[in-house]
C-alpha atoms as a PDB file:
ATOM      1  CA  MET A   1      16.714 -56.050  28.642  1.00  0.00           C
ATOM      2  CA  HIS A   2      13.345 -54.088  27.937  1.00  0.00           C
ATOM      3  CA  GLU A   3       9.852 -55.767  27.833  1.00  0.00           C
ATOM      4  CA  LYS A   4       9.335 -55.904  24.153  1.00  0.00           C
ATOM      5  CA  GLU A   5      12.778 -57.510  23.712  1.00  0.00           C
ATOM      6  CA  ARG A   6      12.208 -59.940  26.191  1.00  0.00           C
ATOM      7  CA  HIS A   7       9.035 -61.026  24.651  1.00  0.00           C
ATOM      8  CA  GLY A   8      10.314 -61.271  21.314  1.00  0.00           C
ATOM      9  CA  VAL A   9      13.108 -63.511  22.601  1.00  0.00           C
ATOM     10  CA  ILE A  10      10.173 -65.696  24.830  1.00  0.00           C
ATOM     11  CA  LEU A  11       7.962 -66.118  21.382  1.00  0.00           C
ATOM     12  CA  SER A  12      10.993 -67.135  19.731  1.00  0.00           C
ATOM     13  CA  ALA A  13      12.033 -69.726  22.428  1.00  0.00           C
ATOM     14  CA  VAL A  14       8.503 -71.375  22.604  1.00  0.00           C
ATOM     15  CA  GLN A  15       8.657 -72.078  18.611  1.00  0.00           C
ATOM     16  CA  ASP A  16      11.578 -74.288  18.738  1.00  0.00           C
ATOM     17  CA  ARG A  17      10.808 -76.582  21.192  1.00  0.00           C
ATOM     18  CA  PRO A  18       7.382 -78.341  22.805  1.00  0.00           C
ATOM     19  CA  VAL A  19       7.526 -76.426  26.193  1.00  0.00           C
ATOM     20  CA  VAL A  20       9.967 -73.767  27.646  1.00  0.00           C
ATOM     21  CA  THR A  21      10.651 -73.848  31.308  1.00  0.00           C
ATOM     22  CA  VAL A  22      10.620 -70.495  33.218  1.00  0.00           C
ATOM     23  CA  ALA A  23      14.011 -71.025  34.485  1.00  0.00           C
ATOM     24  CA  GLU A  24      15.382 -71.749  30.832  1.00  0.00           C
ATOM     25  CA  LEU A  25      13.578 -68.410  29.910  1.00  0.00           C
ATOM     26  CA  CYS A  26      15.485 -66.324  32.748  1.00  0.00           C
ATOM     27  CA  GLY A  27      18.755 -67.668  31.120  1.00  0.00           C
ATOM     28  CA  LEU A  28      17.770 -66.279  27.850  1.00  0.00           C
ATOM     29  CA  THR A  29      16.871 -63.174  29.055  1.00  0.00           C
ATOM     30  CA  GLY A  30      18.711 -62.665  32.397  1.00  0.00           C
ATOM     31  CA  ALA A  31      15.420 -61.641  34.041  1.00  0.00           C
ATOM     32  CA  SER A  32      14.028 -62.956  37.020  1.00  0.00           C
ATOM     33  CA  GLU A  33      11.440 -65.457  37.696  1.00  0.00           C
ATOM     34  CA  ALA A  34       8.956 -62.676  38.618  1.00  0.00           C
ATOM     35  CA  THR A  35       9.767 -61.087  35.677  1.00  0.00           C
ATOM     36  CA  ILE A  36       9.455 -63.999  33.062  1.00  0.00           C
ATOM     37  CA  ARG A  37       6.097 -65.166  34.714  1.00  0.00           C
ATOM     38  CA  ARG A  38       4.406 -61.655  34.358  1.00  0.00           C
ATOM     39  CA  ASP A  39       5.884 -62.139  30.607  1.00  0.00           C
ATOM     40  CA  ILE A  40       4.213 -65.177  30.200  1.00  0.00           C
ATOM     41  CA  ALA A  41       0.796 -63.883  31.258  1.00  0.00           C
ATOM     42  CA  ALA A  42       1.177 -60.856  29.338  1.00  0.00           C
ATOM     43  CA  LEU A  43       1.402 -63.357  26.177  1.00  0.00           C
ATOM     44  CA  HIS A  44      -1.335 -65.722  27.065  1.00  0.00           C
ATOM     45  CA  VAL A  45      -4.043 -62.989  27.518  1.00  0.00           C
ATOM     46  CA  SER A  46      -2.870 -61.438  24.177  1.00  0.00           C
ATOM     47  CA  LYS A  47      -2.979 -64.786  22.790  1.00  0.00           C
ATOM     48  CA  LYS A  48       0.410 -64.757  21.581  1.00  0.00           C
ATOM     49  CA  LEU A  49       1.642 -68.202  23.543  1.00  0.00           C
ATOM     50  CA  ARG A  50      -0.055 -70.497  25.603  1.00  0.00           C
ATOM     51  CA  ARG A  51       0.510 -70.830  29.499  1.00  0.00           C
ATOM     52  CA  VAL A  52       1.181 -73.705  30.947  1.00  0.00           C
ATOM     53  CA  ARG A  53       2.750 -75.219  34.547  1.00  0.00           C
ATOM     54  CA  GLY A  54       6.360 -74.422  35.228  1.00  0.00           C
ATOM     55  CA  GLY A  55       6.697 -72.294  31.615  1.00  0.00           C
ATOM     56  CA  ALA A  56       5.258 -71.371  28.038  1.00  0.00           C
ATOM     57  CA  GLU A  57       4.325 -73.276  25.062  1.00  0.00           C
ATOM     58  CA  ALA A  58       3.651 -71.999  21.509  1.00  0.00           C
ATOM     59  CA  LEU A  59       0.292 -71.718  20.073  1.00  0.00           C
ATOM     60  CA  ALA A  60       1.256 -73.391  16.851  1.00  0.00           C
ATOM     61  CA  PRO A  61       4.731 -74.992  17.269  1.00  0.00           C
ATOM     62  CA  ASN A  62       7.208 -75.391  14.536  1.00  0.00           C
ATOM     63  CA  PRO A  63       7.340 -78.629  13.361  1.00  0.00           C
ATOM     64  CA  PHE A  64      11.356 -78.182  12.665  1.00  0.00           C
ATOM     65  CA  PRO A  65      12.840 -78.026  16.174  1.00  0.00           C
ATOM     66  CA  GLY A  66      15.628 -75.265  16.528  1.00  0.00           C
ATOM     67  CA  LEU A  67      19.460 -76.214  17.762  1.00  0.00           C
ATOM     68  CA  ALA A  68      19.728 -76.060  21.414  1.00  0.00           C
ATOM     69  CA  GLY A  69      21.105 -72.449  22.876  1.00  0.00           C
ATOM     70  CA  ARG A  70      20.603 -69.038  23.089  1.00  0.00           C
ATOM     71  CA  PRO A  71      19.293 -67.357  19.448  1.00  0.00           C
ATOM     72  CA  PHE A  72      21.842 -65.279  17.672  1.00  0.00           C
ATOM     73  CA  SER A  73      20.072 -61.836  18.021  1.00  0.00           C
ATOM     74  CA  VAL A  74      20.505 -62.552  21.709  1.00  0.00           C
ATOM     75  CA  ASN A  75      23.999 -63.381  22.207  1.00  0.00           C
ATOM     76  CA  GLN A  76      24.646 -61.035  19.487  1.00  0.00           C
ATOM     77  CA  THR A  77      24.237 -57.966  22.750  1.00  0.00           C
ATOM     78  CA  LEU A  78      26.476 -59.865  24.938  1.00  0.00           C
ATOM     79  CA  ASN A  79      30.200 -58.774  25.347  1.00  0.00           C
ATOM     80  CA  ILE A  80      30.163 -56.891  22.396  1.00  0.00           C
ATOM     81  CA  ARG A  81      33.079 -55.037  22.624  1.00  0.00           C
ATOM     82  CA  GLN A  82      34.995 -57.852  23.987  1.00  0.00           C
ATOM     83  CA  LYS A  83      33.744 -59.431  20.857  1.00  0.00           C
ATOM     84  CA  GLN A  84      35.093 -56.951  18.759  1.00  0.00           C
ATOM     85  CA  ALA A  85      38.165 -56.903  20.090  1.00  0.00           C
ATOM     86  CA  ILE A  86      38.532 -60.758  19.667  1.00  0.00           C
ATOM     87  CA  ALA A  87      37.900 -60.226  15.974  1.00  0.00           C
ATOM     88  CA  ARG A  88      39.642 -57.544  14.809  1.00  0.00           C
ATOM     89  CA  ALA A  89      42.757 -59.947  16.350  1.00  0.00           C
ATOM     90  CA  ALA A  90      41.386 -62.670  14.113  1.00  0.00           C
ATOM     91  CA  VAL A  91      41.636 -60.547  10.949  1.00  0.00           C
ATOM     92  CA  ASP A  92      44.966 -59.438  12.219  1.00  0.00           C
ATOM     93  CA  LEU A  93      46.361 -63.024  11.156  1.00  0.00           C
ATOM     94  CA  CYS A  94      44.204 -62.848   7.449  1.00  0.00           C
ATOM     95  CA  GLU A  95      46.202 -62.172   4.371  1.00  0.00           C
ATOM     96  CA  ASP A  96      45.094 -61.507   0.810  1.00  0.00           C
ATOM     97  CA  GLY A  97      44.209 -64.185  -0.558  1.00  0.00           C
ATOM     98  CA  ASP A  98      43.927 -66.595   2.360  1.00  0.00           C
ATOM     99  CA  PRO A  99      40.994 -69.423   1.406  1.00  0.00           C
ATOM    100  CA  ILE A 100      39.667 -69.327   5.260  1.00  0.00           C
ATOM    101  CA  ILE A 101      36.283 -70.619   6.702  1.00  0.00           C
ATOM    102  CA  ILE A 102      34.728 -68.469   9.596  1.00  0.00           C
ATOM    103  CA  ASN A 103      31.765 -70.740  11.153  1.00  0.00           C
ATOM    104  CA  GLY A 104      28.495 -69.203  11.961  1.00  0.00           C
ATOM    105  CA  GLY A 105      28.798 -67.434  15.462  1.00  0.00           C
ATOM    106  CA  THR A 106      28.064 -63.437  17.123  1.00  0.00           C
ATOM    107  CA  THR A 107      31.968 -63.148  18.055  1.00  0.00           C
ATOM    108  CA  THR A 108      32.803 -64.713  14.434  1.00  0.00           C
ATOM    109  CA  PHE A 109      30.049 -62.393  12.846  1.00  0.00           C
ATOM    110  CA  GLN A 110      32.473 -59.592  13.836  1.00  0.00           C
ATOM    111  CA  MET A 111      35.004 -60.177  11.507  1.00  0.00           C
ATOM    112  CA  VAL A 112      33.225 -58.925   9.039  1.00  0.00           C
ATOM    113  CA  HIS A 113      33.849 -55.193   9.887  1.00  0.00           C
ATOM    114  CA  PRO A 114      37.483 -55.491   9.754  1.00  0.00           C
ATOM    115  CA  LEU A 115      37.756 -57.931   6.904  1.00  0.00           C
ATOM    116  CA  ALA A 116      36.181 -55.142   4.692  1.00  0.00           C
ATOM    117  CA  THR A 117      40.046 -54.127   3.908  1.00  0.00           C
ATOM    118  CA  ARG A 118      40.961 -58.213   2.608  1.00  0.00           C
ATOM    119  CA  ARG A 119      40.404 -59.861   0.092  1.00  0.00           C
ATOM    120  CA  CYS A 120      40.625 -63.271   1.201  1.00  0.00           C
ATOM    121  CA  GLN A 121      38.258 -66.464  -0.249  1.00  0.00           C
ATOM    122  CA  VAL A 122      35.459 -67.118   2.374  1.00  0.00           C
ATOM    123  CA  PHE A 123      33.299 -70.314   3.165  1.00  0.00           C
ATOM    124  CA  THR A 124      30.877 -70.029   5.862  1.00  0.00           C
ATOM    125  CA  ASN A 125      27.517 -71.568   6.802  1.00  0.00           C
ATOM    126  CA  SER A 126      26.232 -67.961   8.424  1.00  0.00           C
ATOM    127  CA  PHE A 127      23.875 -66.061   6.311  1.00  0.00           C
ATOM    128  CA  PRO A 128      24.730 -62.484   8.414  1.00  0.00           C
ATOM    129  CA  ILE A 129      28.553 -63.115   7.573  1.00  0.00           C
ATOM    130  CA  ALA A 130      27.907 -64.079   4.059  1.00  0.00           C
ATOM    131  CA  GLU A 131      25.571 -60.995   3.641  1.00  0.00           C
ATOM    132  CA  HIS A 132      27.742 -58.480   5.058  1.00  0.00           C
ATOM    133  CA  LEU A 133      31.044 -59.825   3.123  1.00  0.00           C
ATOM    134  CA  LEU A 134      28.638 -59.819  -0.265  1.00  0.00           C
ATOM    135  CA  LYS A 135      27.805 -56.162   0.532  1.00  0.00           C
ATOM    136  CA  ALA A 136      30.709 -54.455   1.705  1.00  0.00           C
ATOM    137  CA  SER A 137      34.069 -56.371   0.976  1.00  0.00           C
ATOM    138  CA  LYS A 138      35.905 -57.440  -2.083  1.00  0.00           C
ATOM    139  CA  ASN A 139      35.982 -61.094  -0.514  1.00  0.00           C
ATOM    140  CA  SER A 140      35.432 -63.980  -2.406  1.00  0.00           C
ATOM    141  CA  VAL A 141      32.042 -65.797  -0.287  1.00  0.00           C
ATOM    142  CA  LEU A 142      31.274 -69.563  -0.817  1.00  0.00           C
ATOM    143  CA  ILE A 143      27.770 -70.708   1.041  1.00  0.00           C
ATOM    144  CA  SER A 144      27.333 -73.986   2.778  1.00  0.00           C
ATOM    145  CA  GLY A 145      24.036 -76.102   1.507  1.00  0.00           C
ATOM    146  CA  GLY A 146      21.711 -77.624   4.300  1.00  0.00           C
ATOM    147  CA  VAL A 147      18.718 -77.073   6.287  1.00  0.00           C
ATOM    148  CA  ILE A 148      18.686 -73.115   7.586  1.00  0.00           C
ATOM    149  CA  TYR A 149      18.387 -72.670  11.505  1.00  0.00           C
ATOM    150  CA  ARG A 150      16.692 -69.235  11.889  1.00  0.00           C
ATOM    151  CA  GLU A 151      17.648 -68.575  15.371  1.00  0.00           C
ATOM    152  CA  GLN A 152      21.063 -69.091  15.312  1.00  0.00           C
ATOM    153  CA  ASN A 153      21.558 -67.503  11.379  1.00  0.00           C
ATOM    154  CA  ILE A 154      23.100 -70.514   9.906  1.00  0.00           C
ATOM    155  CA  VAL A 155      23.113 -73.399   7.557  1.00  0.00           C
ATOM    156  CA  LEU A 156      23.982 -76.942   8.277  1.00  0.00           C
ATOM    157  CA  SER A 157      24.123 -80.031   6.413  1.00  0.00           C
ATOM    158  CA  PRO A 158      23.649 -83.743   7.896  1.00  0.00           C
ATOM    159  CA  PHE A 159      25.171 -85.041   4.614  1.00  0.00           C
ATOM    160  CA  ASP A 160      28.518 -86.348   4.157  1.00  0.00           C
ATOM    161  CA  ASN A 161      28.786 -85.239   0.464  1.00  0.00           C
ATOM    162  CA  ASP A 162      28.026 -81.611   0.912  1.00  0.00           C
ATOM    163  CA  VAL A 163      30.465 -78.694  -0.645  1.00  0.00           C
ATOM    164  CA  THR A 164      32.385 -78.501   2.626  1.00  0.00           C
ATOM    165  CA  ARG A 165      34.808 -81.599   1.485  1.00  0.00           C
ATOM    166  CA  ASN A 166      35.703 -79.753  -1.455  1.00  0.00           C
ATOM    167  CA  PHE A 167      36.930 -76.144   0.444  1.00  0.00           C
ATOM    168  CA  TYR A 168      40.265 -76.253   1.964  1.00  0.00           C
ATOM    169  CA  ALA A 169      41.495 -73.554   4.201  1.00  0.00           C
ATOM    170  CA  ARG A 170      44.370 -72.130   5.758  1.00  0.00           C
ATOM    171  CA  ARG A 171      42.557 -71.052   8.853  1.00  0.00           C
ATOM    172  CA  MET A 172      38.989 -71.955  10.632  1.00  0.00           C
ATOM    173  CA  PHE A 173      37.585 -69.842  12.999  1.00  0.00           C
ATOM    174  CA  MET A 174      34.915 -70.441  15.231  1.00  0.00           C
ATOM    175  CA  GLY A 175      33.534 -69.628  18.601  1.00  0.00           C
ATOM    176  CA  ALA A 176      32.482 -72.162  21.642  1.00  0.00           C
ATOM    177  CA  GLN A 177      29.576 -72.596  23.983  1.00  0.00           C
ATOM    178  CA  GLY A 178      32.479 -72.965  26.175  1.00  0.00           C
ATOM    179  CA  ILE A 179      36.126 -74.084  27.266  1.00  0.00           C
ATOM    180  CA  ALA A 180      37.033 -77.418  29.674  1.00  0.00           C
ATOM    181  CA  PRO A 181      40.310 -79.152  30.628  1.00  0.00           C
ATOM    182  CA  LEU A 182      38.181 -81.939  28.281  1.00  0.00           C
ATOM    183  CA  GLY A 183      38.241 -79.890  25.208  1.00  0.00           C
ATOM    184  CA  VAL A 184      35.805 -77.387  23.451  1.00  0.00           C
ATOM    185  CA  MET A 185      31.921 -77.572  24.318  1.00  0.00           C
ATOM    186  CA  GLU A 186      29.197 -76.791  22.014  1.00  0.00           C
ATOM    187  CA  ALA A 187      25.431 -77.403  23.144  1.00  0.00           C
ATOM    188  CA  ASP A 188      24.023 -79.571  20.171  1.00  0.00           C
ATOM    189  CA  PRO A 189      24.888 -82.894  18.253  1.00  0.00           C
ATOM    190  CA  LEU A 190      24.069 -81.276  14.828  1.00  0.00           C
ATOM    191  CA  LEU A 191      26.402 -78.796  15.415  1.00  0.00           C
ATOM    192  CA  ILE A 192      29.211 -80.794  16.673  1.00  0.00           C
ATOM    193  CA  GLN A 193      28.744 -83.060  13.539  1.00  0.00           C
ATOM    194  CA  ALA A 194      28.938 -79.847  11.064  1.00  0.00           C
ATOM    195  CA  GLU A 195      31.863 -78.097  12.736  1.00  0.00           C
ATOM    196  CA  GLN A 196      33.568 -81.548  12.697  1.00  0.00           C
ATOM    197  CA  LYS A 197      33.670 -81.501   9.011  1.00  0.00           C
ATOM    198  CA  LEU A 198      34.526 -78.413   8.656  1.00  0.00           C
ATOM    199  CA  ILE A 199      37.615 -78.637  10.971  1.00  0.00           C
ATOM    200  CA  GLY A 200      39.148 -81.563   8.838  1.00  0.00           C
ATOM    201  CA  GLN A 201      39.253 -79.346   6.021  1.00  0.00           C
ATOM    202  CA  ALA A 202      41.500 -76.545   7.949  1.00  0.00           C
ATOM    203  CA  ASP A 203      45.100 -76.655   8.536  1.00  0.00           C
ATOM    204  CA  GLU A 204      44.918 -74.290  11.801  1.00  0.00           C
ATOM    205  CA  LEU A 205      42.138 -74.099  14.085  1.00  0.00           C
ATOM    206  CA  VAL A 206      41.685 -70.616  15.868  1.00  0.00           C
ATOM    207  CA  LEU A 207      39.030 -70.460  18.755  1.00  0.00           C
ATOM    208  CA  LEU A 208      37.292 -66.832  19.290  1.00  0.00           C
ATOM    209  CA  VAL A 209      35.751 -67.196  22.711  1.00  0.00           C
ATOM    210  CA  ASP A 210      35.291 -63.995  25.283  1.00  0.00           C
ATOM    211  CA  SER A 211      36.565 -64.850  28.930  1.00  0.00           C
ATOM    212  CA  THR A 212      32.853 -65.902  30.481  1.00  0.00           C
ATOM    213  CA  LYS A 213      33.202 -68.983  28.035  1.00  0.00           C
ATOM    214  CA  PHE A 214      36.021 -70.477  30.448  1.00  0.00           C
ATOM    215  CA  ASP A 215      32.841 -70.622  32.820  1.00  0.00           C
ATOM    216  CA  ASN A 216      30.524 -72.191  30.577  1.00  0.00           C
ATOM    217  CA  ARG A 217      29.752 -75.875  30.348  1.00  0.00           C
ATOM    218  CA  SER A 218      27.679 -78.110  28.337  1.00  0.00           C
ATOM    219  CA  SER A 219      27.344 -81.857  27.763  1.00  0.00           C
ATOM    220  CA  LEU A 220      29.157 -82.167  24.302  1.00  0.00           C
ATOM    221  CA  VAL A 221      32.334 -82.051  23.213  1.00  0.00           C
ATOM    222  CA  LEU A 222      33.310 -80.917  19.816  1.00  0.00           C
ATOM    223  CA  CYS A 223      37.080 -81.398  20.037  1.00  0.00           C
ATOM    224  CA  PRO A 224      39.745 -81.922  22.511  1.00  0.00           C
ATOM    225  CA  LEU A 225      41.946 -78.584  23.419  1.00  0.00           C
ATOM    226  CA  ASP A 226      44.956 -79.916  21.709  1.00  0.00           C
ATOM    227  CA  ARG A 227      43.197 -79.398  18.119  1.00  0.00           C
ATOM    228  CA  ILE A 228      43.096 -75.783  18.574  1.00  0.00           C
ATOM    229  CA  ASP A 229      46.327 -74.047  17.531  1.00  0.00           C
ATOM    230  CA  VAL A 230      45.021 -70.273  18.370  1.00  0.00           C
ATOM    231  CA  LEU A 231      43.023 -68.901  20.922  1.00  0.00           C
ATOM    232  CA  ILE A 232      42.118 -65.162  21.034  1.00  0.00           C
ATOM    233  CA  THR A 233      39.959 -64.394  24.273  1.00  0.00           C
ATOM    234  CA  ASP A 234      40.060 -60.801  26.004  1.00  0.00           C
ATOM    235  CA  GLU A 235      41.356 -59.631  29.018  1.00  0.00           C
ATOM    236  CA  GLY A 236      39.185 -61.505  31.599  1.00  0.00           C
ATOM    237  CA  ILE A 237      40.881 -64.398  31.291  1.00  0.00           C
ATOM    238  CA  SER A 238      42.259 -65.976  34.650  1.00  0.00           C
ATOM    239  CA  ASP A 239      45.642 -66.889  35.319  1.00  0.00           C
ATOM    240  CA  ARG A 240      44.330 -70.473  36.050  1.00  0.00           C
ATOM    241  CA  HIS A 241      42.692 -70.166  32.248  1.00  0.00           C
ATOM    242  CA  ALA A 242      45.762 -69.060  30.559  1.00  0.00           C
ATOM    243  CA  ALA A 243      47.837 -71.840  32.323  1.00  0.00           C
ATOM    244  CA  MET A 244      45.758 -74.624  31.011  1.00  0.00           C
ATOM    245  CA  LEU A 245      45.795 -73.356  27.382  1.00  0.00           C
ATOM    246  CA  GLU A 246      49.743 -73.363  27.980  1.00  0.00           C
ATOM    247  CA  ALA A 247      49.642 -76.632  29.194  1.00  0.00           C
ATOM    248  CA  ALA A 248      47.594 -77.636  25.457  1.00  0.00           C
ATOM    249  CA  ASP A 249      50.268 -75.953  23.803  1.00  0.00           C
ATOM    250  CA  ILE A 250      47.700 -73.417  22.642  1.00  0.00           C
ATOM    251  CA  ARG A 251      48.920 -70.292  21.260  1.00  0.00           C
ATOM    252  CA  LEU A 252      47.030 -67.765  23.111  1.00  0.00           C
ATOM    253  CA  ILE A 253      46.335 -63.893  21.800  1.00  0.00           C
ATOM    254  CA  VAL A 254      44.623 -61.480  24.617  1.00  0.00           C
ATOM    255  CA  ALA A 255      42.483 -58.619  22.620  1.00  0.00           C
ATOM    256  CA  PRO A 256      42.267 -55.657  24.371  1.00  0.00           C
ATOM    257  CA  THR A 257      38.860 -54.081  24.213  1.00  0.00           C
ATOM    258  CA  ALA A 258      38.784 -50.383  22.794  1.00  0.00           C
ATOM    259  CA  GLY A 259      38.609 -48.595  25.967  1.00  0.00           C
ATOM    260  CA  ALA A 260      41.791 -50.368  27.055  1.00  0.00           C
ATOM    261  CA  GLN A 261      43.450 -49.510  23.817  1.00  0.00           C
ATOM    262  CA  GLU A 262      42.641 -45.642  24.522  1.00  0.00           C
ATOM    263  CA  GLU A 263      43.865 -45.294  27.840  1.00  0.00           C
ATOM    264  CA  ALA A 264      46.994 -47.380  26.640  1.00  0.00           C
ATOM    265  CA  ALA A 265      47.858 -44.376  24.120  1.00  0.00           C
ATOM    266  CA  SER A 266      46.926 -41.622  26.280  1.00  0.00           C
END
């Protein structure tokens, strides 16, 4: 990640919480502690944030804190080829006329491109997904109401009587923070609350996760593994994790990346 990109991530992160530690910023950017400390010092001198012991804080903190986890803009750059392959395999499950839910996320966002050839009824809580489908497809789009979380580019409602309860879906497509024997993991309680409502509106739950998510953990469990009907991932999934899914009676789809598809065709 270039310096300008790191500075953007750092400034975004300090707006979301009272203090962001050097360790947290290393996790968000993939940079070393020494690099992050230099970045903080430079931003402090230019009066874009305030350097504090062990981290940084915003000069004018956001009164509405963001969700836990990396921003959409950061996640969007990670494992992009795998996410594109996973999204193509997900859209292969869709037929014209299907009512579907697409939960906000960077892997589910990649579904918008192959969905351009479909005519589905799409319910989403993602601004980028809704905007792209409206501009570049013939799918009908319904978007949820609630609080806008800029960093994740999603809309979440804490209320039970929202439009979510009025939409039936044949399938719900969603990502996750991590996958473990205990179930599907997420990083924020509000995400858990919103996603559980959406899950209840779909006949079938399809999880879209690249293989790195099997090594991720969080303190919050969204749902047990046996609630997942289909899981789509990339070729990096280990035999151990594939066996875990088989034991939970989950249909596993392994999506080859574009490079692997070209090699197989030649």
